[in-house]
Protein backbone atom coordinates (compact mmCIF):
# COMPACT_ATOMS: atom_id res chain seq x y z
CA MET A 1 -1.69 32.22 -74.87
CA ASN A 2 -1.06 34.45 -71.88
CA ILE A 3 2.25 36.06 -71.00
CA ILE A 4 2.43 36.89 -67.31
CA ILE A 5 4.90 39.66 -66.50
CA CYS A 6 6.20 39.62 -62.91
CA PRO A 7 8.35 42.72 -62.31
CA GLY A 8 10.84 43.20 -59.51
CA ILE A 9 11.05 46.03 -57.01
CA HIS A 10 11.77 49.08 -59.15
CA GLU A 11 10.10 52.01 -60.90
CA SER A 12 6.99 51.03 -62.87
CA SER A 13 8.32 52.92 -65.90
CA LEU A 14 10.93 50.17 -66.37
CA THR A 15 8.18 47.57 -66.72
CA GLU A 16 6.27 49.84 -69.10
CA ASN A 17 9.42 50.04 -71.25
CA PHE A 18 9.83 46.26 -71.12
CA VAL A 19 6.24 45.61 -72.23
CA ALA A 20 6.57 48.24 -74.99
CA SER A 21 9.64 46.40 -76.31
CA LEU A 22 7.62 43.16 -76.42
CA ARG A 23 4.79 44.86 -78.26
CA GLU A 24 7.25 46.28 -80.79
CA ARG A 25 8.15 42.67 -81.61
CA ASN A 26 4.43 41.88 -81.99
CA PHE A 27 4.20 39.66 -78.93
CA ASP A 28 0.56 40.62 -78.48
CA THR A 29 -0.73 40.17 -82.02
CA SER A 30 -1.71 37.07 -83.92
CA THR A 31 1.44 35.72 -85.57
CA SER A 32 0.27 32.32 -86.66
CA LYS A 33 -2.03 30.32 -84.43
CA SER A 34 -3.05 32.24 -81.35
CA LEU A 35 -3.62 35.65 -79.89
CA VAL A 36 -1.27 36.59 -77.08
CA ASN A 37 -2.49 38.36 -73.99
CA ILE A 38 0.12 40.23 -71.93
CA LEU A 39 -0.83 40.52 -68.25
CA VAL A 40 1.36 42.62 -65.95
CA PHE A 41 1.26 41.79 -62.25
CA PRO A 42 0.83 45.14 -60.44
CA THR A 43 3.58 45.23 -57.86
CA ASP A 44 3.01 47.12 -54.65
CA GLY A 45 6.02 47.24 -52.40
CA TYR A 46 7.24 43.72 -51.88
CA SER A 47 4.23 41.95 -53.42
CA SER A 48 6.49 40.68 -56.22
CA LEU A 49 7.95 38.30 -53.63
CA SER A 50 4.53 36.85 -52.82
CA ALA A 51 3.41 33.75 -54.71
CA PHE A 52 0.03 34.13 -53.01
CA HIS A 53 -0.54 37.61 -54.49
CA ILE A 54 0.62 36.58 -57.97
CA LEU A 55 -1.56 33.45 -57.88
CA GLN A 56 -4.54 35.51 -56.74
CA PHE A 57 -3.89 37.88 -59.68
CA LEU A 58 -3.84 34.92 -62.09
CA PHE A 59 -7.09 33.47 -60.79
CA ASP A 60 -8.71 36.91 -60.95
CA ARG A 61 -7.54 37.69 -64.52
CA LEU A 62 -7.80 34.25 -66.08
CA LYS A 63 -10.93 33.03 -64.25
CA ASN A 64 -12.16 30.10 -66.37
CA GLN A 65 -9.11 30.06 -68.69
CA GLN A 66 -6.93 28.03 -66.34
CA LYS A 67 -6.10 25.49 -69.06
CA SER A 68 -4.96 28.28 -71.42
CA PRO A 69 -1.15 28.18 -71.86
CA VAL A 70 0.83 30.64 -69.72
CA ILE A 71 4.40 31.85 -70.12
CA PHE A 72 5.89 33.58 -67.08
CA ILE A 73 8.48 36.32 -67.64
CA SER A 74 9.91 37.53 -64.35
CA PHE A 75 12.64 39.94 -63.35
CA SER A 76 14.99 40.25 -60.37
CA ALA A 77 13.09 39.98 -57.06
CA GLY A 78 9.95 39.15 -59.06
CA VAL A 79 11.50 35.78 -59.90
CA VAL A 80 11.01 34.74 -56.25
CA GLY A 81 7.23 35.07 -56.26
CA ALA A 82 6.84 34.10 -59.91
CA ILE A 83 8.54 30.69 -59.73
CA ALA A 84 6.49 29.69 -56.69
CA SER A 85 3.25 30.91 -58.29
CA ALA A 86 4.07 29.09 -61.56
CA TYR A 87 4.53 25.88 -59.61
CA LEU A 88 1.27 26.44 -57.69
CA TRP A 89 -0.59 27.42 -60.87
CA GLN A 90 0.50 24.17 -62.53
CA ASN A 91 -0.39 22.12 -59.45
CA SER A 92 -3.88 23.65 -59.39
CA GLY A 93 -4.52 22.52 -62.97
CA GLY A 94 -3.05 25.44 -64.93
CA HIS A 95 -0.82 25.00 -67.95
CA VAL A 96 2.62 26.61 -67.66
CA LYS A 97 4.23 26.55 -71.12
CA ALA A 98 7.52 28.08 -69.93
CA PHE A 99 9.17 30.12 -67.21
CA ILE A 100 11.71 32.83 -68.06
CA ALA A 101 13.79 34.36 -65.26
CA ILE A 102 15.59 37.59 -66.11
CA ASP A 103 18.42 38.28 -63.67
CA GLY A 104 16.99 36.04 -60.97
CA TRP A 105 20.43 35.57 -59.44
CA GLY A 106 20.41 33.37 -56.36
CA VAL A 107 16.85 32.10 -56.92
CA PRO A 108 16.50 28.32 -57.28
CA LEU A 109 14.41 27.46 -60.34
CA LEU A 110 12.65 24.11 -60.26
CA GLY A 111 9.47 23.00 -61.95
CA ASN A 112 7.97 20.46 -64.30
CA PHE A 113 7.88 23.00 -67.13
CA PRO A 114 10.63 24.49 -69.33
CA ILE A 115 12.82 27.05 -67.54
CA HIS A 116 15.10 29.66 -69.11
CA ARG A 117 17.50 32.13 -67.54
CA MET A 118 18.57 35.48 -68.93
CA SER A 119 21.48 37.26 -67.26
CA HIS A 120 23.04 40.72 -67.50
CA ASP A 121 26.57 39.27 -67.62
CA TYR A 122 28.45 36.00 -67.97
CA PHE A 123 29.23 35.67 -64.23
CA THR A 124 25.52 35.82 -63.33
CA HIS A 125 24.75 33.31 -66.08
CA TRP A 126 27.49 30.93 -64.99
CA SER A 127 26.85 31.16 -61.24
CA SER A 128 23.07 30.76 -61.60
CA LYS A 129 23.16 27.51 -63.56
CA ILE A 130 23.68 25.41 -60.43
CA LEU A 131 20.33 26.70 -59.12
CA GLY A 132 18.42 25.47 -62.15
CA CYS A 133 18.13 26.50 -65.76
CA GLY A 134 16.87 25.04 -68.99
CA GLN A 135 18.66 24.15 -72.19
CA ASN A 136 18.18 27.56 -73.81
CA ASN A 137 19.49 30.56 -71.92
CA PHE A 138 20.88 34.03 -72.64
CA TYR A 139 23.57 36.28 -71.22
CA ALA A 140 24.52 39.82 -72.14
CA ASP A 141 27.89 40.42 -73.76
CA PRO A 142 29.17 43.02 -73.29
CA PRO A 143 27.79 43.08 -69.74
CA VAL A 144 25.06 45.61 -68.97
CA GLU A 145 23.65 47.08 -65.79
CA HIS A 146 21.08 44.90 -64.04
CA LEU A 147 18.13 47.26 -64.69
CA ASP A 148 19.01 47.59 -68.40
CA MET A 149 17.85 44.02 -68.95
CA TRP A 150 14.33 45.14 -68.00
CA ARG A 151 14.38 48.75 -69.15
CA SER A 152 15.52 48.13 -72.71
CA PRO A 153 15.98 44.47 -73.69
CA GLN A 154 15.97 45.47 -77.36
CA THR A 155 19.36 47.19 -76.88
CA VAL A 156 21.01 44.40 -74.84
CA GLN A 157 23.21 42.21 -77.04
CA GLY A 158 24.43 38.82 -75.98
CA TRP A 159 24.55 35.10 -76.58
CA TRP A 160 21.90 32.41 -76.82
CA VAL A 161 23.37 29.35 -75.09
CA ASP A 162 21.94 25.94 -75.92
CA LEU A 163 23.19 23.69 -73.12
CA SER A 164 22.05 20.57 -74.98
CA ILE A 165 25.05 21.01 -77.33
CA GLY A 166 27.44 22.42 -74.75
CA GLU A 167 28.20 25.83 -73.33
CA SER A 168 31.33 26.26 -75.41
CA GLN A 169 29.35 26.12 -78.65
CA LEU A 170 27.49 29.41 -78.56
CA GLN A 171 24.92 29.21 -81.29
CA LYS A 172 23.76 32.70 -81.98
CA ARG A 173 24.38 36.32 -81.10
CA LEU A 174 21.18 38.33 -80.70
CA SER A 175 19.43 40.90 -78.53
CA ALA A 176 17.59 39.99 -75.33
CA VAL A 177 14.21 40.78 -76.90
CA GLU A 178 15.08 38.65 -79.95
CA PHE A 179 15.87 35.77 -77.59
CA LEU A 180 12.49 36.22 -75.89
CA TYR A 181 10.76 36.33 -79.25
CA MET A 182 12.55 33.15 -80.34
CA LEU A 183 11.30 31.37 -77.20
CA PHE A 184 7.81 32.74 -77.68
CA MET A 185 7.67 31.47 -81.28
CA ARG A 186 8.89 28.04 -80.16
CA TYR A 187 6.20 27.76 -77.49
CA GLU A 188 3.48 29.12 -79.72
CA GLU A 189 4.21 26.35 -82.23
CA ASN A 190 4.18 23.58 -79.62
C-alpha cells in the first residue's frame, strides 16, 4: 500500500515532522499483510494546488503499480490539488483506498472512495461537513493552531466522530496520529 502525502504551502520541516510521527507509529513497516510505502509530494510554491503536478508525481513514482492501493493524506492548501488528483487517479484506473483531508476548510470533498476530515477545532469540523466528509472524522479538543495538526499530530488530542451513529455520540478520545493509525489499520485489513 502507498500513502501519498500532499503538504500545503508551508515550511518543509513541518512535513518532515509529520512523516516522522507516522513512522514512529510504524506506518511504513509490515504490520500484518502489506508493506507501506510513504511518498511525499515535493511542493514547490503553489504546486500543492495542482492536480496535474500531483498526478504526474504519482505516475512517475508508481509507474506500473497503478492498481496498488493508495491512501491520500493531504493538508491545508494541499487538499485542493490532492482531492482532484485522487479523483483523476481513480478515473485512470488507480485504486484509491481512502482520502484524508487535514484542515482542508472550504474545500469540497467528493469522490467514489472513503473520505475523512481532520480539523484543528470543532468549528472547522462542523462547518466543513456540508462540503463532504465520511463517517469517521476527527477534531482537536482543545483546539490547536492550524499548523500544529501537521507539525505534531502525535500531541494533538481530540475526538473521533463516527457519523454513522450520530455526532452527539463521540466514540473515542485519541490523538490525531492515533486516529490516522486507526484508519490505516482499517484500510490495510480491507
